Amino acid sequence: MTVASHVEELRRKHNALSEAVERAQKSPGSSDLDIAAMKREKLRLKEEITRLS
């Protein structure tokens, strides 16, 4: 796997998490802990994308 393809995969995961966070925030039954965990993972992905770019 090349670095470029790895970065692209990380971006796809980041975008999917962004959509999941938005859906969870709109859903009344969502746990704040789950949302916070998704946001932490999203930040970790963003930092890795930045590091590899």
PDB file of N, CA and C in Angstrom:
ATOM      1  N   MET A   1       0.851  -1.180   0.000  1.00  0.00           N
ATOM      2  CA  MET A   1       0.000   0.000   0.000  1.00  0.00           C
ATOM      3  C   MET A   1       0.896   1.242   0.000  1.00  0.00           C
ATOM      4  N   THR A   2       0.635   2.126  -0.917  1.00  0.00           N
ATOM      5  CA  THR A   2       1.420   3.351  -0.970  1.00  0.00           C
ATOM      6  C   THR A   2       0.927   4.325   0.096  1.00  0.00           C
ATOM      7  N   VAL A   3       1.760   5.315   0.367  1.00  0.00           N
ATOM      8  CA  VAL A   3       1.381   6.327   1.356  1.00  0.00           C
ATOM      9  C   VAL A   3       0.142   7.076   0.884  1.00  0.00           C
ATOM     10  N   ALA A   4       0.093   7.385  -0.410  1.00  0.00           N
ATOM     11  CA  ALA A   4      -1.059   8.127  -0.951  1.00  0.00           C
ATOM     12  C   ALA A   4      -2.355   7.336  -0.793  1.00  0.00           C
ATOM     13  N   SER A   5      -2.311   6.039  -1.050  1.00  0.00           N
ATOM     14  CA  SER A   5      -3.533   5.243  -0.910  1.00  0.00           C
ATOM     15  C   SER A   5      -3.912   5.093   0.564  1.00  0.00           C
ATOM     16  N   HIS A   6      -2.910   5.023   1.428  1.00  0.00           N
ATOM     17  CA  HIS A   6      -3.190   4.946   2.868  1.00  0.00           C
ATOM     18  C   HIS A   6      -3.853   6.236   3.352  1.00  0.00           C
ATOM     19  N   VAL A   7      -3.333   7.370   2.908  1.00  0.00           N
ATOM     20  CA  VAL A   7      -3.915   8.666   3.278  1.00  0.00           C
ATOM     21  C   VAL A   7      -5.347   8.757   2.756  1.00  0.00           C
ATOM     22  N   GLU A   8      -5.593   8.285   1.547  1.00  0.00           N
ATOM     23  CA  GLU A   8      -6.943   8.318   0.978  1.00  0.00           C
ATOM     24  C   GLU A   8      -7.899   7.461   1.807  1.00  0.00           C
ATOM     25  N   GLU A   9      -7.436   6.296   2.241  1.00  0.00           N
ATOM     26  CA  GLU A   9      -8.268   5.430   3.086  1.00  0.00           C
ATOM     27  C   GLU A   9      -8.561   6.113   4.424  1.00  0.00           C
ATOM     28  N   LEU A  10      -7.568   6.771   4.994  1.00  0.00           N
ATOM     29  CA  LEU A  10      -7.771   7.506   6.252  1.00  0.00           C
ATOM     30  C   LEU A  10      -8.799   8.617   6.061  1.00  0.00           C
ATOM     31  N   ARG A  11      -8.744   9.294   4.923  1.00  0.00           N
ATOM     32  CA  ARG A  11      -9.722  10.361   4.640  1.00  0.00           C
ATOM     33  C   ARG A  11     -11.132   9.801   4.530  1.00  0.00           C
ATOM     34  N   ARG A  12     -11.260   8.629   3.905  1.00  0.00           N
ATOM     35  CA  ARG A  12     -12.585   7.994   3.798  1.00  0.00           C
ATOM     36  C   ARG A  12     -13.126   7.655   5.193  1.00  0.00           C
ATOM     37  N   LYS A  13     -12.268   7.112   6.041  1.00  0.00           N
ATOM     38  CA  LYS A  13     -12.692   6.779   7.406  1.00  0.00           C
ATOM     39  C   LYS A  13     -13.069   8.044   8.172  1.00  0.00           C
ATOM     40  N   HIS A  14     -12.299   9.119   7.990  1.00  0.00           N
ATOM     41  CA  HIS A  14     -12.566  10.389   8.662  1.00  0.00           C
ATOM     42  C   HIS A  14     -13.925  10.932   8.231  1.00  0.00           C
ATOM     43  N   ASN A  15     -14.206  10.894   6.934  1.00  0.00           N
ATOM     44  CA  ASN A  15     -15.487  11.385   6.427  1.00  0.00           C
ATOM     45  C   ASN A  15     -16.649  10.538   6.935  1.00  0.00           C
ATOM     46  N   ALA A  16     -16.464   9.233   6.979  1.00  0.00           N
ATOM     47  CA  ALA A  16     -17.519   8.348   7.485  1.00  0.00           C
ATOM     48  C   ALA A  16     -17.798   8.651   8.965  1.00  0.00           C
ATOM     49  N   LEU A  17     -16.744   8.898   9.733  1.00  0.00           N
ATOM     50  CA  LEU A  17     -16.931   9.243  11.139  1.00  0.00           C
ATOM     51  C   LEU A  17     -17.633  10.589  11.287  1.00  0.00           C
ATOM     52  N   SER A  18     -17.308  11.540  10.422  1.00  0.00           N
ATOM     53  CA  SER A  18     -17.973  12.845  10.472  1.00  0.00           C
ATOM     54  C   SER A  18     -19.472  12.682  10.298  1.00  0.00           C
ATOM     55  N   GLU A  19     -19.865  11.863   9.328  1.00  0.00           N
ATOM     56  CA  GLU A  19     -21.284  11.627   9.091  1.00  0.00           C
ATOM     57  C   GLU A  19     -21.926  10.900  10.270  1.00  0.00           C
ATOM     58  N   ALA A  20     -21.207   9.947  10.843  1.00  0.00           N
ATOM     59  CA  ALA A  20     -21.739   9.200  11.995  1.00  0.00           C
ATOM     60  C   ALA A  20     -21.933  10.124  13.198  1.00  0.00           C
ATOM     61  N   VAL A  21     -21.000  11.042  13.411  1.00  0.00           N
ATOM     62  CA  VAL A  21     -21.117  11.996  14.526  1.00  0.00           C
ATOM     63  C   VAL A  21     -22.337  12.882  14.309  1.00  0.00           C
ATOM     64  N   GLU A  22     -22.515  13.376  13.092  1.00  0.00           N
ATOM     65  CA  GLU A  22     -23.664  14.233  12.801  1.00  0.00           C
ATOM     66  C   GLU A  22     -24.975  13.493  13.047  1.00  0.00           C
ATOM     67  N   ARG A  23     -25.059  12.249  12.580  1.00  0.00           N
ATOM     68  CA  ARG A  23     -26.282  11.456  12.799  1.00  0.00           C
ATOM     69  C   ARG A  23     -26.517  11.224  14.289  1.00  0.00           C
ATOM     70  N   ALA A  24     -25.452  10.914  15.020  1.00  0.00           N
ATOM     71  CA  ALA A  24     -25.586  10.631  16.450  1.00  0.00           C
ATOM     72  C   ALA A  24     -26.022  11.876  17.214  1.00  0.00           C
ATOM     73  N   GLN A  25     -25.515  13.032  16.815  1.00  0.00           N
ATOM     74  CA  GLN A  25     -25.882  14.270  17.506  1.00  0.00           C
ATOM     75  C   GLN A  25     -27.348  14.622  17.264  1.00  0.00           C
ATOM     76  N   LYS A  26     -27.894  14.208  16.145  1.00  0.00           N
ATOM     77  CA  LYS A  26     -29.303  14.486  15.845  1.00  0.00           C
ATOM     78  C   LYS A  26     -30.238  13.463  16.464  1.00  0.00           C
ATOM     79  N   SER A  27     -29.697  12.325  16.855  1.00  0.00           N
ATOM     80  CA  SER A  27     -30.501  11.252  17.415  1.00  0.00           C
ATOM     81  C   SER A  27     -30.643  11.435  18.923  1.00  0.00           C
ATOM     82  N   PRO A  28     -31.876  11.447  19.437  1.00  0.00           N
ATOM     83  CA  PRO A  28     -32.072  11.696  20.871  1.00  0.00           C
ATOM     84  C   PRO A  28     -31.532  10.588  21.775  1.00  0.00           C
ATOM     85  N   GLY A  29     -31.374   9.374  21.266  1.00  0.00           N
ATOM     86  CA  GLY A  29     -30.928   8.277  22.112  1.00  0.00           C
ATOM     87  C   GLY A  29     -29.425   8.064  22.127  1.00  0.00           C
ATOM     88  N   SER A  30     -28.668   8.957  21.496  1.00  0.00           N
ATOM     89  CA  SER A  30     -27.227   8.778  21.402  1.00  0.00           C
ATOM     90  C   SER A  30     -26.532   9.104  22.711  1.00  0.00           C
ATOM     91  N   SER A  31     -25.532   8.319  23.012  1.00  0.00           N
ATOM     92  CA  SER A  31     -24.739   8.517  24.220  1.00  0.00           C
ATOM     93  C   SER A  31     -23.662   9.573  23.969  1.00  0.00           C
ATOM     94  N   ASP A  32     -23.528  10.490  24.929  1.00  0.00           N
ATOM     95  CA  ASP A  32     -22.477  11.503  24.819  1.00  0.00           C
ATOM     96  C   ASP A  32     -21.097  10.857  24.818  1.00  0.00           C
ATOM     97  N   LEU A  33     -20.943   9.756  25.536  1.00  0.00           N
ATOM     98  CA  LEU A  33     -19.657   9.052  25.575  1.00  0.00           C
ATOM     99  C   LEU A  33     -19.314   8.459  24.210  1.00  0.00           C
ATOM    100  N   ASP A  34     -20.313   7.917  23.528  1.00  0.00           N
ATOM    101  CA  ASP A  34     -20.086   7.362  22.194  1.00  0.00           C
ATOM    102  C   ASP A  34     -19.697   8.459  21.213  1.00  0.00           C
ATOM    103  N   ILE A  35     -20.378   9.578  21.291  1.00  0.00           N
ATOM    104  CA  ILE A  35     -20.074  10.702  20.406  1.00  0.00           C
ATOM    105  C   ILE A  35     -18.658  11.207  20.678  1.00  0.00           C
ATOM    106  N   ALA A  36     -18.288  11.320  21.945  1.00  0.00           N
ATOM    107  CA  ALA A  36     -16.947  11.787  22.301  1.00  0.00           C
ATOM    108  C   ALA A  36     -15.882  10.818  21.783  1.00  0.00           C
ATOM    109  N   ALA A  37     -16.153   9.526  21.869  1.00  0.00           N
ATOM    110  CA  ALA A  37     -15.198   8.531  21.374  1.00  0.00           C
ATOM    111  C   ALA A  37     -15.023   8.653  19.861  1.00  0.00           C
ATOM    112  N   MET A  38     -16.127   8.872  19.145  1.00  0.00           N
ATOM    113  CA  MET A  38     -16.037   9.046  17.698  1.00  0.00           C
ATOM    114  C   MET A  38     -15.244  10.297  17.350  1.00  0.00           C
ATOM    115  N   LYS A  39     -15.454  11.364  18.108  1.00  0.00           N
ATOM    116  CA  LYS A  39     -14.715  12.603  17.855  1.00  0.00           C
ATOM    117  C   LYS A  39     -13.222  12.424  18.120  1.00  0.00           C
ATOM    118  N   ARG A  40     -12.874  11.670  19.166  1.00  0.00           N
ATOM    119  CA  ARG A  40     -11.453  11.411  19.452  1.00  0.00           C
ATOM    120  C   ARG A  40     -10.813  10.617  18.319  1.00  0.00           C
ATOM    121  N   GLU A  41     -11.524   9.614  17.815  1.00  0.00           N
ATOM    122  CA  GLU A  41     -11.008   8.810  16.707  1.00  0.00           C
ATOM    123  C   GLU A  41     -10.859   9.657  15.453  1.00  0.00           C
ATOM    124  N   LYS A  42     -11.823  10.534  15.231  1.00  0.00           N
ATOM    125  CA  LYS A  42     -11.776  11.443  14.081  1.00  0.00           C
ATOM    126  C   LYS A  42     -10.544  12.345  14.165  1.00  0.00           C
ATOM    127  N   LEU A  43     -10.259  12.857  15.351  1.00  0.00           N
ATOM    128  CA  LEU A  43      -9.086  13.706  15.549  1.00  0.00           C
ATOM    129  C   LEU A  43      -7.802  12.912  15.336  1.00  0.00           C
ATOM    130  N   ARG A  44      -7.767  11.669  15.828  1.00  0.00           N
ATOM    131  CA  ARG A  44      -6.581  10.835  15.645  1.00  0.00           C
ATOM    132  C   ARG A  44      -6.313  10.602  14.154  1.00  0.00           C
ATOM    133  N   LEU A  45      -7.393  10.333  13.397  1.00  0.00           N
ATOM    134  CA  LEU A  45      -7.252  10.133  11.955  1.00  0.00           C
ATOM    135  C   LEU A  45      -6.738  11.399  11.279  1.00  0.00           C
ATOM    136  N   LYS A  46      -7.275  12.545  11.665  1.00  0.00           N
ATOM    137  CA  LYS A  46      -6.866  13.819  11.075  1.00  0.00           C
ATOM    138  C   LYS A  46      -5.378  14.075  11.345  1.00  0.00           C
ATOM    139  N   GLU A  47      -4.939  13.787  12.562  1.00  0.00           N
ATOM    140  CA  GLU A  47      -3.526  13.988  12.889  1.00  0.00           C
ATOM    141  C   GLU A  47      -2.633  13.064  12.086  1.00  0.00           C
ATOM    142  N   GLU A  48      -3.066  11.829  11.868  1.00  0.00           N
ATOM    143  CA  GLU A  48      -2.257  10.905  11.069  1.00  0.00           C
ATOM    144  C   GLU A  48      -2.224  11.341   9.614  1.00  0.00           C
ATOM    145  N   ILE A  49      -3.355  11.817   9.099  1.00  0.00           N
ATOM    146  CA  ILE A  49      -3.385  12.327   7.718  1.00  0.00           C
ATOM    147  C   ILE A  49      -2.401  13.482   7.576  1.00  0.00           C
ATOM    148  N   THR A  50      -2.418  14.396   8.541  1.00  0.00           N
ATOM    149  CA  THR A  50      -1.515  15.551   8.498  1.00  0.00           C
ATOM    150  C   THR A  50      -0.056  15.094   8.559  1.00  0.00           C
ATOM    151  N   ARG A  51       0.206  14.133   9.412  1.00  0.00           N
ATOM    152  CA  ARG A  51       1.584  13.646   9.586  1.00  0.00           C
ATOM    153  C   ARG A  51       2.098  13.002   8.289  1.00  0.00           C
ATOM    154  N   LEU A  52       1.238  12.264   7.596  1.00  0.00           N
ATOM    155  CA  LEU A  52       1.657  11.558   6.389  1.00  0.00           C
ATOM    156  C   LEU A  52       1.669  12.435   5.135  1.00  0.00           C
ATOM    157  N   SER A  53       0.976  13.562   5.184  1.00  0.00           N
ATOM    158  CA  SER A  53       0.893  14.429   4.004  1.00  0.00           C
ATOM    159  C   SER A  53       2.085  15.360   3.894  1.00  0.00           C
TER     160      SER A  53
END
